[in-house]
Protein backbone atom coordinates (compact mmCIF):
# COMPACT_ATOMS: atom_id res chain seq x y z
CA MET A 1 -21.24 -6.70 -20.22
CA SER A 2 -18.67 -7.42 -17.50
CA ASP A 3 -19.73 -9.21 -14.33
CA PRO A 4 -19.83 -6.57 -11.53
CA THR A 5 -18.86 -9.20 -8.94
CA ARG A 6 -15.26 -8.73 -7.89
CA VAL A 7 -13.43 -12.04 -7.56
CA SER A 8 -10.43 -12.84 -5.41
CA VAL A 9 -8.48 -15.97 -6.29
CA CYS A 10 -6.78 -17.29 -3.15
CA MET A 11 -3.68 -19.39 -3.79
CA ALA A 12 -1.16 -20.94 -1.41
CA THR A 13 2.26 -21.74 -2.88
CA TYR A 14 5.22 -23.75 -1.67
CA ASN A 15 8.07 -24.87 -3.94
CA GLY A 16 5.72 -24.77 -6.91
CA ALA A 17 7.96 -23.28 -9.58
CA GLU A 18 7.42 -26.17 -11.98
CA TYR A 19 3.69 -25.69 -12.56
CA VAL A 20 2.64 -22.36 -11.05
CA GLU A 21 3.08 -20.23 -14.20
CA HIS A 22 0.84 -22.52 -16.25
CA GLN A 23 -1.81 -22.49 -13.53
CA LEU A 24 -1.62 -18.73 -13.07
CA ARG A 25 -2.04 -18.05 -16.79
CA SER A 26 -5.06 -20.37 -16.94
CA ILE A 27 -6.57 -18.30 -14.12
CA LEU A 28 -5.74 -14.82 -15.41
CA GLU A 29 -7.28 -15.39 -18.82
CA GLN A 30 -10.68 -15.84 -17.13
CA LEU A 31 -10.52 -12.89 -14.73
CA GLU A 32 -12.03 -9.45 -15.11
CA PRO A 33 -9.83 -6.30 -14.91
CA ASP A 34 -10.93 -5.58 -11.31
CA ASP A 35 -10.41 -9.14 -10.06
CA GLU A 36 -7.34 -10.09 -8.04
CA VAL A 37 -5.11 -13.08 -7.31
CA ILE A 38 -3.81 -13.30 -3.75
CA VAL A 39 -0.77 -15.57 -3.61
CA VAL A 40 0.56 -16.38 -0.14
CA ASP A 41 3.92 -18.09 -0.46
CA ASP A 42 4.80 -20.41 2.40
CA ALA A 43 8.55 -19.67 2.52
CA SER A 44 9.41 -21.49 -0.70
CA ALA A 45 13.02 -22.56 -1.16
CA ASP A 46 12.81 -22.60 -4.96
CA ALA A 47 12.03 -19.96 -7.61
CA THR A 48 8.25 -19.94 -7.07
CA VAL A 49 8.01 -16.24 -6.21
CA ALA A 50 10.32 -15.22 -9.06
CA VAL A 51 8.26 -17.22 -11.55
CA ILE A 52 5.04 -15.55 -10.36
CA GLU A 53 6.60 -12.08 -10.48
CA ALA A 54 7.79 -12.73 -14.04
CA VAL A 55 4.18 -13.18 -15.18
CA GLY A 56 3.93 -9.41 -14.77
CA ASP A 57 0.22 -8.98 -14.14
CA SER A 58 -0.89 -6.17 -11.82
CA ARG A 59 -3.85 -8.24 -10.63
CA VAL A 60 -1.48 -10.62 -8.83
CA ARG A 61 -0.50 -9.72 -5.25
CA ILE A 62 2.18 -11.81 -3.53
CA ILE A 63 2.44 -12.14 0.25
CA ARG A 64 5.62 -13.83 1.47
CA GLN A 65 5.58 -15.68 4.76
CA LYS A 66 8.93 -15.59 6.53
CA ALA A 67 8.46 -19.06 8.03
CA ASN A 68 6.77 -22.18 6.72
CA ARG A 69 3.31 -22.51 8.31
CA GLY A 70 1.80 -25.34 6.28
CA TYR A 71 -0.88 -25.22 3.61
CA VAL A 72 -3.86 -24.93 5.99
CA ARG A 73 -2.66 -21.68 7.63
CA THR A 74 -1.37 -20.39 4.30
CA PHE A 75 -4.78 -20.75 2.65
CA GLU A 76 -6.33 -19.10 5.69
CA ALA A 77 -3.96 -16.14 5.27
CA ALA A 78 -4.97 -15.85 1.60
CA LEU A 79 -8.67 -15.83 2.46
CA LEU A 80 -8.15 -13.17 5.12
CA ALA A 81 -6.16 -10.96 2.72
CA ALA A 82 -8.71 -11.14 -0.10
CA GLU A 83 -10.93 -8.16 -0.87
CA GLY A 84 -13.35 -9.61 -3.43
CA ASP A 85 -17.07 -10.34 -3.23
CA VAL A 86 -16.50 -14.02 -4.06
CA LEU A 87 -13.31 -15.91 -3.20
CA LEU A 88 -12.15 -18.79 -5.40
CA LEU A 89 -9.56 -21.16 -3.97
CA ALA A 90 -6.76 -22.37 -6.25
CA ASP A 91 -3.86 -24.77 -5.91
CA GLN A 92 -0.49 -23.92 -7.41
CA ASP A 93 -0.25 -26.83 -9.81
CA ASP A 94 -3.66 -27.31 -11.45
CA GLU A 95 -5.33 -25.90 -14.56
CA TRP A 96 -8.63 -24.04 -14.67
CA VAL A 97 -11.29 -25.22 -17.11
CA PRO A 98 -12.72 -22.39 -19.26
CA GLY A 99 -15.88 -20.99 -17.67
CA ARG A 100 -14.85 -21.85 -14.12
CA ARG A 101 -14.94 -18.31 -12.79
CA ASP A 102 -18.48 -17.57 -13.92
CA ALA A 103 -19.89 -20.99 -12.97
CA LEU A 104 -18.58 -20.88 -9.41
CA VAL A 105 -19.39 -17.19 -8.91
CA GLU A 106 -23.00 -17.74 -9.92
CA SER A 107 -23.44 -20.65 -7.53
CA ALA A 108 -21.58 -19.06 -4.62
CA ARG A 109 -23.57 -15.86 -4.94
CA ALA A 110 -26.80 -17.85 -4.79
CA THR A 111 -26.00 -19.93 -1.70
CA GLY A 112 -22.76 -18.96 0.03
CA VAL A 113 -20.34 -21.76 -0.87
CA ALA A 114 -19.99 -23.62 -4.17
CA ALA A 115 -18.11 -26.86 -4.77
CA SER A 116 -17.69 -28.37 -8.22
CA ASN A 117 -16.52 -31.61 -9.69
CA LEU A 118 -13.04 -31.87 -11.21
CA VAL A 119 -10.95 -33.91 -13.60
CA LEU A 120 -7.66 -35.54 -12.63
CA LEU A 121 -4.48 -34.97 -14.64
CA GLU A 122 -1.36 -37.09 -14.63
CA SER A 123 1.64 -36.00 -16.71
CA GLY A 124 -0.62 -33.40 -18.28
CA GLU A 125 -3.15 -35.90 -19.64
CA PRO A 126 -6.64 -36.68 -18.21
CA LEU A 127 -6.79 -39.97 -16.32
CA ARG A 128 -9.03 -42.67 -17.74
CA SER A 129 -11.17 -42.61 -14.59
CA PRO A 130 -11.66 -38.93 -13.73
CA ILE A 131 -13.29 -38.00 -10.45
CA THR A 132 -16.37 -36.82 -12.34
CA GLY A 133 -17.07 -40.41 -13.36
CA ARG A 134 -16.87 -42.02 -9.92
CA PRO A 135 -20.02 -43.06 -8.02
CA TRP A 136 -19.38 -40.42 -5.34
CA ARG A 137 -19.36 -37.39 -7.62
CA LEU A 138 -21.06 -34.21 -6.44
CA ARG A 139 -24.64 -33.86 -7.62
CA ALA A 140 -26.67 -30.66 -7.63
CA SER A 141 -29.68 -32.50 -6.23
CA THR A 142 -27.84 -33.26 -2.96
CA SER A 143 -26.59 -29.70 -2.33
CA ARG A 144 -28.88 -29.15 0.65
CA HIS A 145 -28.64 -32.67 2.13
CA ARG A 146 -26.83 -31.26 5.13
CA LEU A 147 -26.50 -34.32 7.37
CA ARG A 148 -26.01 -36.75 4.49
CA ASN A 149 -23.22 -34.63 3.06
CA GLU A 150 -21.51 -34.42 6.43
CA LEU A 151 -21.75 -38.18 6.96
CA ARG A 152 -20.07 -38.64 3.58
CA ILE A 153 -17.28 -36.32 4.72
CA LEU A 154 -16.80 -38.40 7.87
CA ALA A 155 -16.80 -41.58 5.79
CA GLY A 156 -14.14 -40.14 3.49
CA VAL A 157 -16.24 -40.34 0.32
CA ALA A 158 -17.32 -36.72 -0.20
CA PRO A 159 -15.29 -35.19 -3.07
CA TYR A 160 -14.92 -31.69 -1.66
CA PHE A 161 -11.63 -30.20 -2.88
CA GLY A 162 -10.51 -26.67 -2.14
CA CYS A 163 -9.21 -26.26 -5.69
CA ALA A 164 -12.83 -26.60 -6.86
CA MET A 165 -14.51 -24.31 -4.31
CA ALA A 166 -15.78 -20.72 -4.06
CA VAL A 167 -16.87 -18.73 -1.00
CA ARG A 168 -19.11 -15.67 -0.80
CA ARG A 169 -17.57 -12.95 1.35
CA ASP A 170 -20.31 -12.95 3.98
CA MET A 171 -19.43 -16.57 4.81
CA LEU A 172 -15.96 -15.61 6.05
CA PRO A 173 -17.00 -14.75 9.64
CA ALA A 174 -18.10 -18.37 10.08
CA ILE A 175 -15.20 -19.93 8.17
CA THR A 176 -12.35 -17.85 9.58
CA PRO A 177 -10.37 -18.03 11.69
CA PHE A 178 -9.89 -21.73 11.09
CA PRO A 179 -10.20 -23.76 14.32
CA ALA A 180 -6.89 -24.18 16.12
CA PHE A 181 -7.28 -27.96 15.96
CA LEU A 182 -7.52 -27.94 12.15
CA THR A 183 -4.19 -29.33 10.96
CA GLU A 184 -5.31 -30.61 7.55
CA SER A 185 -8.26 -30.54 5.14
CA HIS A 186 -9.15 -26.84 5.10
CA ASP A 187 -11.48 -27.70 2.22
CA LEU A 188 -13.47 -30.17 4.33
CA TRP A 189 -13.74 -27.49 7.03
CA ILE A 190 -15.20 -25.02 4.53
CA ALA A 191 -17.59 -27.67 3.23
CA THR A 192 -18.58 -28.55 6.80
CA VAL A 193 -19.45 -24.93 7.59
CA ALA A 194 -21.46 -24.70 4.38
CA ASN A 195 -23.36 -27.91 5.11
CA ALA A 196 -23.96 -27.01 8.76
CA SER A 197 -25.50 -23.69 7.72
CA GLY A 198 -27.37 -24.98 4.67
CA ARG A 199 -25.30 -22.75 2.36
CA MET A 200 -23.76 -25.38 0.06
CA SER A 201 -24.32 -25.72 -3.68
CA HIS A 202 -22.88 -28.53 -5.79
CA VAL A 203 -21.80 -27.69 -9.35
CA GLU A 204 -21.83 -30.83 -11.49
CA THR A 205 -19.57 -29.33 -14.17
CA ALA A 206 -15.86 -30.04 -13.76
CA THR A 207 -14.26 -26.62 -13.33
CA VAL A 208 -10.62 -27.58 -12.74
CA ARG A 209 -8.09 -30.13 -13.89
CA ARG A 210 -6.28 -31.31 -10.76
CA ARG A 211 -2.71 -32.36 -11.38
CA ILE A 212 -1.55 -35.58 -9.69
CA HIS A 213 2.15 -35.83 -8.83
CA GLU A 214 4.46 -36.88 -6.01
CA ALA A 215 4.62 -33.42 -4.43
CA ASN A 216 0.86 -32.91 -3.95
CA ALA A 217 0.15 -31.36 -0.53
CA SER A 218 -2.75 -33.76 0.01
CA SER A 219 -1.53 -37.27 -0.66
CA SER A 220 -3.80 -40.00 -2.00
CA ARG A 221 -1.70 -42.72 -0.34
CA PRO A 222 -3.36 -44.81 2.38
CA ARG A 223 -2.65 -43.60 5.93
CA GLY A 224 -2.20 -45.66 9.07
CA ILE A 225 -5.13 -46.49 11.35
CA ARG A 226 -4.00 -44.08 14.06
CA ARG A 227 -3.76 -41.14 11.65
CA ALA A 228 -7.06 -42.05 10.02
CA LEU A 229 -8.84 -42.13 13.39
CA ALA A 230 -7.25 -38.83 14.40
CA SER A 231 -8.47 -37.30 11.15
CA ARG A 232 -12.02 -38.58 11.69
CA TRP A 233 -12.06 -37.18 15.24
CA MET A 234 -10.88 -33.82 13.94
CA LEU A 235 -13.79 -33.80 11.47
CA VAL A 236 -16.27 -34.63 14.24
CA ARG A 237 -14.96 -31.65 16.19
CA ALA A 238 -15.21 -29.55 13.02
CA TRP A 239 -18.91 -30.44 12.63
CA ALA A 240 -19.63 -29.37 16.22
CA GLU A 241 -17.73 -26.11 15.75
CA ALA A 242 -19.37 -25.46 12.38
CA ARG A 243 -22.84 -25.86 13.87
CA ARG A 244 -21.93 -23.34 16.55
CA ARG A 245 -20.61 -20.86 14.00
CA ALA A 246 -23.59 -21.37 11.68
CA ARG A 247 -25.66 -19.34 14.16
CA MET A 248 -23.61 -16.32 13.12
CA LEU A 249 -25.13 -16.51 9.64
CA ARG A 250 -28.81 -16.54 10.64
């Protein structure tokens, strides 16, 4: 029997022609007939949109932005355009693990926001040290450790990635609009809202294979002290704002 929950997959694209077809096909093979994929293209200069259109699936809806707004605002636009009961975020260059849709939908429906572990890919092959094997992997037992989870976010050791997250529709009034000061890490903002409101669930299964390459929007390279401090301050502000918005969900 088909799952009656309607799912919206929210994807932001920018110059992603190389990998987006593979990712999109890995998504579509898991979706139900009434599900949808909302792709917001951030004014790509390559053939990204043409590649997506060539897939030829009526469940895919493309929204083209006339000007480049950056990945944070582009993901926000995708969330706001979605019509499903549960919204799954997706990057343009990853690969979904079979069973991802159902695992994240079940957890998000139960709590509000679900975040899973993931596996890293490099040149199409799993890395020897995937994220799921590191000491700071997500564990189901810490899902409701609100303050502890937030302190891990501030310390930079909480593995919350948007490509491995799902949001129940009734969480959107607290998540969107994104704060004006949010210039990066939309995924940490979503996790912060979930932790502040006690609506987070950790899924220990890896539900996505995250591709590592030079053009990743979120770089793993070390940043300077000034940028790191600015990022930490932004996250402190996000926690304060998330606590304020959490009252909307009570």
